[in-house]
Each structure stands twice: as C-alpha cells, then as structure tokens.
Amino acid sequence: MAKSESALTVGDLKRELKNWSDDSEIVFGGTMAGAELTFFRFKSRDEKVLQIELNEEFLGPGTYKVTIK
C-alpha cells in the first residue's frame, strides 16, 4: 500500500505521545454534524499499515452509532 503525502506515521505518533503521561486521555473531536468520534479498535491492514477505526456517535433527537472504516 502506497503512503500518501499527508500520512500520519507511527513515528509521528511516538514523537508526540512521549510528551504525554500514560493516563492522558486522547479525544478525536467531532464531525460537522455534531457527532462525537470515539476509538473503536486498531487493525493491521498490511505489514506497514496500522488502521485506527473510530465510531461516530450522535446523541440527538434520534440515536445512532456508525463504525467508520
């Protein structure tokens, strides 16, 4: 799988995360529609590709939960 120009690498994450304590919370913000993004799981996509899957949770008039892959 080819790496895109804007790819986030494990090295990028390690450099940033070394500045944070082990009990620091990581948040993913939200969508334009107001849905919260939450961590779902890590998935190995290839020998050199780690996929981080998020859930989209919208708690409004109706409630839905969507897994983004």
PDB file of N, CA and C in Angstrom:
ATOM      1  N   MET A   1       0.849  -1.175   0.000  1.00  0.00           N
ATOM      2  CA  MET A   1       0.000   0.000   0.000  1.00  0.00           C
ATOM      3  C   MET A   1       0.897   1.242   0.000  1.00  0.00           C
ATOM      4  N   ALA A   2       0.646   2.167  -0.887  1.00  0.00           N
ATOM      5  CA  ALA A   2       1.462   3.372  -1.007  1.00  0.00           C
ATOM      6  C   ALA A   2       1.113   4.364   0.104  1.00  0.00           C
ATOM      7  N   LYS A   3       2.133   5.032   0.618  1.00  0.00           N
ATOM      8  CA  LYS A   3       1.939   6.036   1.667  1.00  0.00           C
ATOM      9  C   LYS A   3       1.574   7.367   1.020  1.00  0.00           C
ATOM     10  N   SER A   4       0.516   7.997   1.520  1.00  0.00           N
ATOM     11  CA  SER A   4       0.115   9.293   0.973  1.00  0.00           C
ATOM     12  C   SER A   4       0.992  10.394   1.554  1.00  0.00           C
ATOM     13  N   GLU A   5       1.016  11.536   0.890  1.00  0.00           N
ATOM     14  CA  GLU A   5       1.827  12.667   1.355  1.00  0.00           C
ATOM     15  C   GLU A   5       1.438  13.122   2.748  1.00  0.00           C
ATOM     16  N   SER A   6       0.170  13.037   3.081  1.00  0.00           N
ATOM     17  CA  SER A   6      -0.302  13.514   4.382  1.00  0.00           C
ATOM     18  C   SER A   6      -0.432  12.376   5.402  1.00  0.00           C
ATOM     19  N   ALA A   7       0.229  11.249   5.149  1.00  0.00           N
ATOM     20  CA  ALA A   7       0.125  10.099   6.041  1.00  0.00           C
ATOM     21  C   ALA A   7       0.671  10.429   7.428  1.00  0.00           C
ATOM     22  N   LEU A   8      -0.005   9.938   8.435  1.00  0.00           N
ATOM     23  CA  LEU A   8       0.446  10.013   9.815  1.00  0.00           C
ATOM     24  C   LEU A   8       1.172   8.709  10.104  1.00  0.00           C
ATOM     25  N   THR A   9       2.409   8.775  10.540  1.00  0.00           N
ATOM     26  CA  THR A   9       3.184   7.562  10.764  1.00  0.00           C
ATOM     27  C   THR A   9       3.230   7.211  12.251  1.00  0.00           C
ATOM     28  N   VAL A  10       3.609   5.976  12.543  1.00  0.00           N
ATOM     29  CA  VAL A  10       3.805   5.545  13.926  1.00  0.00           C
ATOM     30  C   VAL A  10       4.878   6.419  14.573  1.00  0.00           C
ATOM     31  N   GLY A  11       5.915   6.755  13.812  1.00  0.00           N
ATOM     32  CA  GLY A  11       6.963   7.645  14.324  1.00  0.00           C
ATOM     33  C   GLY A  11       6.406   9.001  14.736  1.00  0.00           C
ATOM     34  N   ASP A  12       5.507   9.560  13.929  1.00  0.00           N
ATOM     35  CA  ASP A  12       4.859  10.836  14.268  1.00  0.00           C
ATOM     36  C   ASP A  12       4.130  10.716  15.610  1.00  0.00           C
ATOM     37  N   LEU A  13       3.370   9.638  15.753  1.00  0.00           N
ATOM     38  CA  LEU A  13       2.616   9.433  17.000  1.00  0.00           C
ATOM     39  C   LEU A  13       3.551   9.254  18.191  1.00  0.00           C
ATOM     40  N   LYS A  14       4.594   8.452  18.024  1.00  0.00           N
ATOM     41  CA  LYS A  14       5.543   8.227  19.125  1.00  0.00           C
ATOM     42  C   LYS A  14       6.185   9.534  19.582  1.00  0.00           C
ATOM     43  N   ARG A  15       6.596  10.366  18.620  1.00  0.00           N
ATOM     44  CA  ARG A  15       7.233  11.643  18.972  1.00  0.00           C
ATOM     45  C   ARG A  15       6.275  12.526  19.772  1.00  0.00           C
ATOM     46  N   GLU A  16       5.031  12.553  19.401  1.00  0.00           N
ATOM     47  CA  GLU A  16       4.060  13.379  20.125  1.00  0.00           C
ATOM     48  C   GLU A  16       3.680  12.756  21.458  1.00  0.00           C
ATOM     49  N   LEU A  17       3.424  11.454  21.463  1.00  0.00           N
ATOM     50  CA  LEU A  17       2.929  10.798  22.675  1.00  0.00           C
ATOM     51  C   LEU A  17       3.962  10.711  23.791  1.00  0.00           C
ATOM     52  N   LYS A  18       5.252  10.784  23.463  1.00  0.00           N
ATOM     53  CA  LYS A  18       6.278  10.722  24.518  1.00  0.00           C
ATOM     54  C   LYS A  18       6.179  11.922  25.464  1.00  0.00           C
ATOM     55  N   ASN A  19       5.501  12.988  25.029  1.00  0.00           N
ATOM     56  CA  ASN A  19       5.329  14.186  25.847  1.00  0.00           C
ATOM     57  C   ASN A  19       4.132  14.107  26.787  1.00  0.00           C
ATOM     58  N   TRP A  20       3.380  13.025  26.717  1.00  0.00           N
ATOM     59  CA  TRP A  20       2.147  12.878  27.487  1.00  0.00           C
ATOM     60  C   TRP A  20       2.276  11.737  28.484  1.00  0.00           C
ATOM     61  N   SER A  21       1.602  11.859  29.621  1.00  0.00           N
ATOM     62  CA  SER A  21       1.621  10.789  30.623  1.00  0.00           C
ATOM     63  C   SER A  21       0.719   9.643  30.173  1.00  0.00           C
ATOM     64  N   ASP A  22       0.977   8.451  30.701  1.00  0.00           N
ATOM     65  CA  ASP A  22       0.232   7.249  30.304  1.00  0.00           C
ATOM     66  C   ASP A  22      -1.268   7.351  30.587  1.00  0.00           C
ATOM     67  N   ASP A  23      -1.665   8.192  31.529  1.00  0.00           N
ATOM     68  CA  ASP A  23      -3.091   8.288  31.860  1.00  0.00           C
ATOM     69  C   ASP A  23      -3.784   9.471  31.171  1.00  0.00           C
ATOM     70  N   SER A  24      -3.083  10.128  30.233  1.00  0.00           N
ATOM     71  CA  SER A  24      -3.704  11.218  29.470  1.00  0.00           C
ATOM     72  C   SER A  24      -4.747  10.644  28.505  1.00  0.00           C
ATOM     73  N   GLU A  25      -5.874  11.316  28.417  1.00  0.00           N
ATOM     74  CA  GLU A  25      -6.952  10.875  27.527  1.00  0.00           C
ATOM     75  C   GLU A  25      -6.719  11.424  26.119  1.00  0.00           C
ATOM     76  N   ILE A  26      -7.022  10.607  25.120  1.00  0.00           N
ATOM     77  CA  ILE A  26      -6.951  11.027  23.726  1.00  0.00           C
ATOM     78  C   ILE A  26      -8.380  11.184  23.224  1.00  0.00           C
ATOM     79  N   VAL A  27      -8.689  12.350  22.657  1.00  0.00           N
ATOM     80  CA  VAL A  27     -10.018  12.584  22.095  1.00  0.00           C
ATOM     81  C   VAL A  27      -9.873  12.877  20.603  1.00  0.00           C
ATOM     82  N   PHE A  28     -10.916  12.592  19.844  1.00  0.00           N
ATOM     83  CA  PHE A  28     -10.858  12.715  18.393  1.00  0.00           C
ATOM     84  C   PHE A  28     -11.735  13.828  17.849  1.00  0.00           C
ATOM     85  N   GLY A  29     -12.320  14.619  18.714  1.00  0.00           N
ATOM     86  CA  GLY A  29     -13.158  15.705  18.245  1.00  0.00           C
ATOM     87  C   GLY A  29     -14.500  15.196  17.744  1.00  0.00           C
ATOM     88  N   GLY A  30     -15.071  15.908  16.803  1.00  0.00           N
ATOM     89  CA  GLY A  30     -16.378  15.533  16.300  1.00  0.00           C
ATOM     90  C   GLY A  30     -16.537  15.876  14.832  1.00  0.00           C
ATOM     91  N   THR A  31     -17.694  15.557  14.322  1.00  0.00           N
ATOM     92  CA  THR A  31     -17.991  15.817  12.917  1.00  0.00           C
ATOM     93  C   THR A  31     -18.722  17.145  12.771  1.00  0.00           C
ATOM     94  N   MET A  32     -18.863  17.602  11.552  1.00  0.00           N
ATOM     95  CA  MET A  32     -19.599  18.841  11.287  1.00  0.00           C
ATOM     96  C   MET A  32     -21.059  18.723  11.703  1.00  0.00           C
ATOM     97  N   ALA A  33     -21.573  17.502  11.737  1.00  0.00           N
ATOM     98  CA  ALA A  33     -22.970  17.276  12.117  1.00  0.00           C
ATOM     99  C   ALA A  33     -23.144  17.190  13.631  1.00  0.00           C
ATOM    100  N   GLY A  34     -22.046  17.322  14.374  1.00  0.00           N
ATOM    101  CA  GLY A  34     -22.137  17.310  15.829  1.00  0.00           C
ATOM    102  C   GLY A  34     -21.968  15.942  16.462  1.00  0.00           C
ATOM    103  N   ALA A  35     -21.597  14.946  15.674  1.00  0.00           N
ATOM    104  CA  ALA A  35     -21.400  13.607  16.216  1.00  0.00           C
ATOM    105  C   ALA A  35     -20.017  13.511  16.851  1.00  0.00           C
ATOM    106  N   GLU A  36     -19.920  12.767  17.939  1.00  0.00           N
ATOM    107  CA  GLU A  36     -18.651  12.546  18.627  1.00  0.00           C
ATOM    108  C   GLU A  36     -17.935  11.358  18.000  1.00  0.00           C
ATOM    109  N   LEU A  37     -16.622  11.473  17.799  1.00  0.00           N
ATOM    110  CA  LEU A  37     -15.822  10.357  17.298  1.00  0.00           C
ATOM    111  C   LEU A  37     -15.120   9.698  18.480  1.00  0.00           C
ATOM    112  N   THR A  38     -15.253   8.378  18.600  1.00  0.00           N
ATOM    113  CA  THR A  38     -14.636   7.629  19.689  1.00  0.00           C
ATOM    114  C   THR A  38     -13.817   6.478  19.133  1.00  0.00           C
ATOM    115  N   PHE A  39     -12.786   6.090  19.871  1.00  0.00           N
ATOM    116  CA  PHE A  39     -11.926   4.992  19.449  1.00  0.00           C
ATOM    117  C   PHE A  39     -12.714   3.688  19.428  1.00  0.00           C
ATOM    118  N   PHE A  40     -12.501   2.865  18.379  1.00  0.00           N
ATOM    119  CA  PHE A  40     -13.121   1.546  18.271  1.00  0.00           C
ATOM    120  C   PHE A  40     -12.075   0.448  18.406  1.00  0.00           C
ATOM    121  N   ARG A  41     -11.049   0.463  17.523  1.00  0.00           N
ATOM    122  CA  ARG A  41     -10.025  -0.575  17.587  1.00  0.00           C
ATOM    123  C   ARG A  41      -8.865  -0.257  16.649  1.00  0.00           C
ATOM    124  N   PHE A  42      -7.773  -0.985  16.880  1.00  0.00           N
ATOM    125  CA  PHE A  42      -6.642  -0.985  15.956  1.00  0.00           C
ATOM    126  C   PHE A  42      -6.797  -2.193  15.056  1.00  0.00           C
ATOM    127  N   LYS A  43      -6.405  -2.058  13.792  1.00  0.00           N
ATOM    128  CA  LYS A  43      -6.488  -3.177  12.861  1.00  0.00           C
ATOM    129  C   LYS A  43      -5.266  -3.134  11.937  1.00  0.00           C
ATOM    130  N   SER A  44      -4.610  -4.272  11.796  1.00  0.00           N
ATOM    131  CA  SER A  44      -3.463  -4.362  10.903  1.00  0.00           C
ATOM    132  C   SER A  44      -3.980  -4.534   9.475  1.00  0.00           C
ATOM    133  N   ARG A  45      -3.645  -3.590   8.607  1.00  0.00           N
ATOM    134  CA  ARG A  45      -4.107  -3.633   7.218  1.00  0.00           C
ATOM    135  C   ARG A  45      -3.050  -4.210   6.291  1.00  0.00           C
ATOM    136  N   ASP A  46      -1.815  -4.152   6.723  1.00  0.00           N
ATOM    137  CA  ASP A  46      -0.674  -4.574   5.920  1.00  0.00           C
ATOM    138  C   ASP A  46       0.502  -4.619   6.878  1.00  0.00           C
ATOM    139  N   GLU A  47       1.612  -5.145   6.425  1.00  0.00           N
ATOM    140  CA  GLU A  47       2.801  -5.225   7.280  1.00  0.00           C
ATOM    141  C   GLU A  47       3.221  -3.847   7.791  1.00  0.00           C
ATOM    142  N   LYS A  48       2.991  -2.805   7.004  1.00  0.00           N
ATOM    143  CA  LYS A  48       3.409  -1.455   7.377  1.00  0.00           C
ATOM    144  C   LYS A  48       2.238  -0.481   7.458  1.00  0.00           C
ATOM    145  N   VAL A  49       1.022  -1.004   7.674  1.00  0.00           N
ATOM    146  CA  VAL A  49      -0.144  -0.123   7.765  1.00  0.00           C
ATOM    147  C   VAL A  49      -0.983  -0.509   8.983  1.00  0.00           C
ATOM    148  N   LEU A  50      -1.102   0.431   9.923  1.00  0.00           N
ATOM    149  CA  LEU A  50      -1.960   0.266  11.095  1.00  0.00           C
ATOM    150  C   LEU A  50      -3.185   1.137  10.887  1.00  0.00           C
ATOM    151  N   GLN A  51      -4.354   0.539  10.922  1.00  0.00           N
ATOM    152  CA  GLN A  51      -5.600   1.282  10.766  1.00  0.00           C
ATOM    153  C   GLN A  51      -6.188   1.536  12.147  1.00  0.00           C
ATOM    154  N   ILE A  52      -6.560   2.775  12.423  1.00  0.00           N
ATOM    155  CA  ILE A  52      -7.248   3.129  13.657  1.00  0.00           C
ATOM    156  C   ILE A  52      -8.693   3.379  13.285  1.00  0.00           C
ATOM    157  N   GLU A  53      -9.584   2.551  13.820  1.00  0.00           N
ATOM    158  CA  GLU A  53     -11.005   2.680  13.494  1.00  0.00           C
ATOM    159  C   GLU A  53     -11.710   3.474  14.586  1.00  0.00           C
ATOM    160  N   LEU A  54     -12.603   4.356  14.149  1.00  0.00           N
ATOM    161  CA  LEU A  54     -13.370   5.205  15.053  1.00  0.00           C
ATOM    162  C   LEU A  54     -14.847   4.912  14.903  1.00  0.00           C
ATOM    163  N   ASN A  55     -15.594   5.177  15.965  1.00  0.00           N
ATOM    164  CA  ASN A  55     -17.050   5.131  15.915  1.00  0.00           C
ATOM    165  C   ASN A  55     -17.549   6.570  15.887  1.00  0.00           C
ATOM    166  N   GLU A  56     -18.654   6.775  15.230  1.00  0.00           N
ATOM    167  CA  GLU A  56     -19.312   8.074  15.201  1.00  0.00           C
ATOM    168  C   GLU A  56     -20.590   7.936  16.004  1.00  0.00           C
ATOM    169  N   GLU A  57     -20.704   8.712  17.078  1.00  0.00           N
ATOM    170  CA  GLU A  57     -21.881   8.619  17.929  1.00  0.00           C
ATOM    171  C   GLU A  57     -22.610   9.959  17.948  1.00  0.00           C
ATOM    172  N   PHE A  58     -23.840   9.934  17.548  1.00  0.00           N
ATOM    173  CA  PHE A  58     -24.668  11.134  17.552  1.00  0.00           C
ATOM    174  C   PHE A  58     -25.798  10.917  18.538  1.00  0.00           C
ATOM    175  N   LEU A  59     -25.851  11.772  19.519  1.00  0.00           N
ATOM    176  CA  LEU A  59     -26.910  11.651  20.523  1.00  0.00           C
ATOM    177  C   LEU A  59     -27.788  12.887  20.414  1.00  0.00           C
ATOM    178  N   GLY A  60     -28.761  12.799  19.555  1.00  0.00           N
ATOM    179  CA  GLY A  60     -29.665  13.910  19.339  1.00  0.00           C
ATOM    180  C   GLY A  60     -31.089  13.405  19.409  1.00  0.00           C
ATOM    181  N   PRO A  61     -31.979  13.974  18.589  1.00  0.00           N
ATOM    182  CA  PRO A  61     -33.375  13.546  18.580  1.00  0.00           C
ATOM    183  C   PRO A  61     -33.515  12.027  18.391  1.00  0.00           C
ATOM    184  N   GLY A  62     -32.682  11.458  17.527  1.00  0.00           N
ATOM    185  CA  GLY A  62     -32.599  10.012  17.382  1.00  0.00           C
ATOM    186  C   GLY A  62     -31.180   9.612  17.750  1.00  0.00           C
ATOM    187  N   THR A  63     -30.938   8.394  18.097  1.00  0.00           N
ATOM    188  CA  THR A  63     -29.585   7.981  18.468  1.00  0.00           C
ATOM    189  C   THR A  63     -29.095   6.951  17.465  1.00  0.00           C
ATOM    190  N   TYR A  64     -27.886   7.151  16.951  1.00  0.00           N
ATOM    191  CA  TYR A  64     -27.320   6.161  16.056  1.00  0.00           C
ATOM    192  C   TYR A  64     -25.837   6.031  16.317  1.00  0.00           C
ATOM    193  N   LYS A  65     -25.296   4.916  15.931  1.00  0.00           N
ATOM    194  CA  LYS A  65     -23.876   4.649  16.080  1.00  0.00           C
ATOM    195  C   LYS A  65     -23.379   4.040  14.778  1.00  0.00           C
ATOM    196  N   VAL A  66     -22.315   4.623  14.195  1.00  0.00           N
ATOM    197  CA  VAL A  66     -21.795   4.192  12.907  1.00  0.00           C
ATOM    198  C   VAL A  66     -20.317   3.876  13.071  1.00  0.00           C
ATOM    199  N   THR A  67     -19.870   2.757  12.524  1.00  0.00           N
ATOM    200  CA  THR A  67     -18.444   2.433  12.514  1.00  0.00           C
ATOM    201  C   THR A  67     -17.850   2.920  11.211  1.00  0.00           C
ATOM    202  N   ILE A  68     -16.793   3.744  11.300  1.00  0.00           N
ATOM    203  CA  ILE A  68     -16.107   4.278  10.134  1.00  0.00           C
ATOM    204  C   ILE A  68     -14.853   3.451   9.919  1.00  0.00           C
ATOM    205  N   LYS A  69     -14.698   2.905   8.726  1.00  0.00           N
ATOM    206  CA  LYS A  69     -13.519   2.101   8.430  1.00  0.00           C
ATOM    207  C   LYS A  69     -12.700   2.779   7.371  1.00  0.00           C
TER     208      LYS A  69
END
